[in-house]
Amino acid sequence: MEEVIALITALFFTLFDLDRTFYIPSNVPRKLGLYSWWWGFVFANGVLAAALYHSVSDINALQSLPQFLRPVAVGASYLALMRLKLTTFTFQGKDVPFGTEALYEAAKAFVYKRINRIAMQARYSEVEALANRETLEQLSNRAKLSVLVNALLTPEEKKAALAWAVSVVSDANSTDFEKRAILADFVLSGQMGAKQ
């Protein structure tokens, strides 16, 4: 049972990282592929955290914690352990990390690249459709409104985002479609892209 708690803890931390990294449109043509990579990575991290807990549960430092807190501590620290760099050595003029970090980051990059490819295709279609459907003025107004109603932004962030939206509209080096696409992406994802 404690292994399951460690699994769930690491699962949530991995899920939070994926959600912070990617904006996934609701209409994704390759949902099965996306979900396979997404949830496969989440569950792989959870299973590894459970295995880690199983192998370290008898350590004295863990025994001093309350029983319900032990698996949570291991599950929460799992990702930190995966990013552990024991040392760095120089090889052909480049610093090369040595430790679990290199393997974990390589696996993460492998999975994230595939998720990103699927998400980009869906995002491209979604942005293109909105940019073609609405005028620059409509998208500018929607972008400004989405900033104003966003409860997660601080007043400084709102000010910066509104200034960004104005700079996109007034950019003389961008075509009308480029401006509409940038604003459409912002309206859909909440992420400022080009012209930051």
Protein backbone atom coordinates (compact mmCIF):
# COMPACT_ATOMS: atom_id res chain seq x y z
CA MET A 1 0.00 0.00 0.00
CA GLU A 2 2.83 2.42 0.79
CA GLU A 3 4.34 1.82 -2.66
CA VAL A 4 1.03 2.93 -4.17
CA ILE A 5 1.21 6.20 -2.21
CA ALA A 6 4.75 6.81 -3.51
CA LEU A 7 3.52 5.98 -7.02
CA ILE A 8 0.61 8.42 -6.79
CA THR A 9 2.79 11.20 -5.37
CA ALA A 10 5.35 10.94 -8.19
CA LEU A 11 2.53 10.55 -10.70
CA PHE A 12 1.04 13.88 -9.66
CA PHE A 13 4.38 15.72 -9.74
CA THR A 14 5.04 14.37 -13.24
CA LEU A 15 1.53 15.32 -14.34
CA PHE A 16 2.01 18.86 -13.00
CA ASP A 17 5.25 19.19 -14.97
CA LEU A 18 3.61 18.02 -18.20
CA ASP A 19 0.64 20.33 -17.70
CA ARG A 20 2.93 23.29 -17.05
CA THR A 21 4.95 22.52 -20.19
CA PHE A 22 2.30 21.77 -22.80
CA TYR A 23 -0.89 23.37 -24.01
CA ILE A 24 -2.97 20.66 -25.63
CA PRO A 25 -6.01 21.72 -27.69
CA SER A 26 -9.24 19.86 -26.99
CA ASN A 27 -9.46 18.65 -30.59
CA VAL A 28 -6.35 16.49 -31.08
CA PRO A 29 -6.42 14.24 -34.17
CA ARG A 30 -3.90 11.76 -32.72
CA LYS A 31 -5.35 11.47 -29.20
CA LEU A 32 -4.36 7.83 -28.76
CA GLY A 33 -0.72 8.59 -29.53
CA LEU A 34 -0.76 11.67 -27.32
CA TYR A 35 -2.35 9.85 -24.40
CA SER A 36 0.02 6.90 -24.81
CA TRP A 37 3.11 9.10 -24.52
CA TRP A 38 1.61 11.38 -21.87
CA TRP A 39 0.21 8.74 -19.50
CA GLY A 40 2.98 6.26 -20.26
CA PHE A 41 5.54 8.78 -19.01
CA VAL A 42 3.41 9.64 -15.98
CA PHE A 43 2.92 6.01 -14.97
CA ALA A 44 6.54 5.09 -15.69
CA ASN A 45 7.65 7.74 -13.21
CA GLY A 46 5.08 6.52 -10.70
CA VAL A 47 6.20 2.91 -11.01
CA LEU A 48 9.86 3.90 -10.64
CA ALA A 49 9.00 5.94 -7.53
CA ALA A 50 7.19 2.91 -6.08
CA ALA A 51 10.21 0.72 -6.82
CA LEU A 52 12.47 3.31 -5.21
CA TYR A 53 10.28 3.35 -2.12
CA HIS A 54 10.33 -0.44 -1.95
CA SER A 55 14.14 -0.45 -2.06
CA VAL A 56 14.72 2.36 0.47
CA SER A 57 11.83 1.88 2.89
CA ASP A 58 14.11 0.31 5.54
CA ILE A 59 16.53 3.26 5.70
CA ASN A 60 16.77 4.69 9.22
CA ALA A 61 16.10 8.27 8.10
CA LEU A 62 12.75 7.18 6.68
CA GLN A 63 11.89 5.14 9.75
CA SER A 64 11.94 8.30 11.85
CA LEU A 65 9.06 9.76 9.78
CA PRO A 66 5.43 8.88 10.46
CA GLN A 67 4.38 5.85 8.43
CA PHE A 68 1.95 7.74 6.16
CA LEU A 69 4.58 10.37 5.39
CA ARG A 70 7.36 7.98 4.28
CA PRO A 71 5.95 7.11 0.84
CA VAL A 72 4.92 10.72 0.23
CA ALA A 73 8.48 11.88 1.00
CA VAL A 74 9.99 9.30 -1.36
CA GLY A 75 7.43 9.98 -4.10
CA ALA A 76 7.99 13.73 -3.84
CA SER A 77 11.76 13.40 -3.85
CA TYR A 78 11.82 10.86 -6.69
CA LEU A 79 12.01 13.49 -9.44
CA ALA A 80 14.72 15.35 -7.54
CA LEU A 81 16.71 12.12 -7.35
CA MET A 82 16.21 11.56 -11.06
CA ARG A 83 17.74 14.99 -11.70
CA LEU A 84 20.74 14.19 -9.52
CA LYS A 85 24.07 15.09 -11.04
CA LEU A 86 26.91 13.30 -9.27
CA THR A 87 29.63 15.11 -11.17
CA THR A 88 30.42 16.80 -14.44
CA PHE A 89 33.38 15.90 -16.58
CA THR A 90 34.70 17.47 -19.75
CA PHE A 91 34.66 15.41 -22.92
CA GLN A 92 35.85 16.93 -26.22
CA GLY A 93 35.47 20.44 -24.80
CA LYS A 94 31.91 19.93 -23.55
CA ASP A 95 30.70 19.56 -19.99
CA VAL A 96 28.96 16.19 -19.67
CA PRO A 97 26.84 15.50 -16.57
CA PHE A 98 27.24 12.13 -14.89
CA GLY A 99 24.46 10.71 -12.78
CA THR A 100 20.82 9.82 -13.11
CA GLU A 101 20.13 13.28 -14.57
CA ALA A 102 21.58 12.48 -17.99
CA LEU A 103 19.49 9.33 -18.41
CA TYR A 104 16.31 10.90 -17.03
CA GLU A 105 16.65 14.06 -19.14
CA ALA A 106 17.30 11.98 -22.27
CA ALA A 107 14.16 9.89 -21.62
CA LYS A 108 12.15 13.01 -20.81
CA ALA A 109 13.35 14.77 -23.99
CA PHE A 110 12.45 11.68 -26.03
CA VAL A 111 8.88 11.60 -24.67
CA TYR A 112 8.39 15.39 -24.69
CA LYS A 113 9.48 15.61 -28.33
CA ARG A 114 6.77 13.17 -29.34
CA ILE A 115 4.09 14.86 -27.22
CA ASN A 116 5.13 18.22 -28.62
CA ARG A 117 4.91 17.00 -32.22
CA ILE A 118 1.31 15.85 -31.71
CA ALA A 119 0.37 18.98 -29.74
CA MET A 120 1.93 21.27 -32.36
CA GLN A 121 -0.12 19.72 -35.15
CA ALA A 122 -3.34 20.21 -33.19
CA ARG A 123 -2.34 23.68 -32.07
CA TYR A 124 -1.42 24.72 -35.60
CA SER A 125 -4.86 23.70 -36.89
CA GLU A 126 -6.63 25.40 -34.00
CA VAL A 127 -4.66 28.66 -34.34
CA GLU A 128 -5.00 28.74 -38.13
CA ALA A 129 -8.77 28.25 -37.94
CA LEU A 130 -9.23 31.06 -35.39
CA ALA A 131 -6.84 33.39 -37.22
CA ASN A 132 -8.75 32.86 -40.47
CA ARG A 133 -12.14 33.25 -38.83
CA GLU A 134 -11.59 36.55 -36.98
CA THR A 135 -10.22 39.97 -37.88
CA LEU A 136 -7.15 41.51 -36.31
CA GLU A 137 -9.36 43.87 -34.32
CA GLN A 138 -11.50 41.01 -33.02
CA LEU A 139 -8.45 38.99 -32.00
CA SER A 140 -6.83 42.02 -30.40
CA ASN A 141 -9.95 42.63 -28.34
CA ARG A 142 -10.17 38.95 -27.36
CA ALA A 143 -6.50 38.90 -26.36
CA LYS A 144 -6.93 42.00 -24.18
CA LEU A 145 -10.09 40.61 -22.63
CA SER A 146 -8.42 37.28 -21.88
CA VAL A 147 -5.69 39.17 -20.03
CA LEU A 148 -8.17 41.26 -18.06
CA VAL A 149 -10.26 38.28 -16.92
CA ASN A 150 -7.30 36.04 -16.06
CA ALA A 151 -7.32 35.73 -12.27
CA LEU A 152 -3.91 34.03 -12.22
CA LEU A 153 -2.03 37.07 -13.53
CA THR A 154 -0.63 39.71 -11.20
CA PRO A 155 -1.28 43.36 -12.05
CA GLU A 156 2.30 43.62 -13.40
CA GLU A 157 1.83 40.53 -15.56
CA LYS A 158 -1.45 41.91 -16.89
CA LYS A 159 0.24 45.19 -17.76
CA ALA A 160 3.08 43.38 -19.54
CA ALA A 161 0.66 41.10 -21.44
CA LEU A 162 -1.48 44.03 -22.58
CA ALA A 163 1.64 45.88 -23.76
CA TRP A 164 2.72 42.72 -25.59
CA ALA A 165 -0.68 42.48 -27.35
CA VAL A 166 -0.42 46.12 -28.45
CA SER A 167 3.12 45.51 -29.75
CA VAL A 168 1.90 42.53 -31.80
CA VAL A 169 -0.82 44.62 -33.44
CA SER A 170 1.50 47.56 -34.16
CA ASP A 171 4.43 45.49 -35.50
CA ALA A 172 5.21 46.85 -38.96
CA ASN A 173 7.40 43.85 -39.80
CA SER A 174 4.60 41.26 -39.49
CA THR A 175 1.84 40.52 -41.96
CA ASP A 176 -1.79 40.75 -40.97
CA PHE A 177 -2.06 36.96 -40.84
CA GLU A 178 1.06 36.64 -38.67
CA LYS A 179 -0.41 39.12 -36.20
CA ARG A 180 -3.74 37.30 -36.18
CA ALA A 181 -2.01 33.94 -35.69
CA ILE A 182 0.10 35.22 -32.79
CA LEU A 183 -2.95 36.69 -31.08
CA ALA A 184 -5.05 33.60 -31.81
CA ASP A 185 -2.40 31.40 -30.21
CA PHE A 186 -2.40 33.66 -27.16
CA VAL A 187 -6.21 33.63 -26.91
CA LEU A 188 -6.28 29.83 -27.12
CA SER A 189 -3.27 28.95 -24.96
CA GLY A 190 -2.65 31.98 -22.77
CA GLN A 191 1.01 31.85 -23.79
CA MET A 192 2.77 34.80 -25.34
CA GLY A 193 4.64 33.54 -28.36
CA ALA A 194 6.50 35.72 -30.81
CA LYS A 195 7.08 39.40 -30.06
CA GLN A 196 7.82 38.77 -26.36
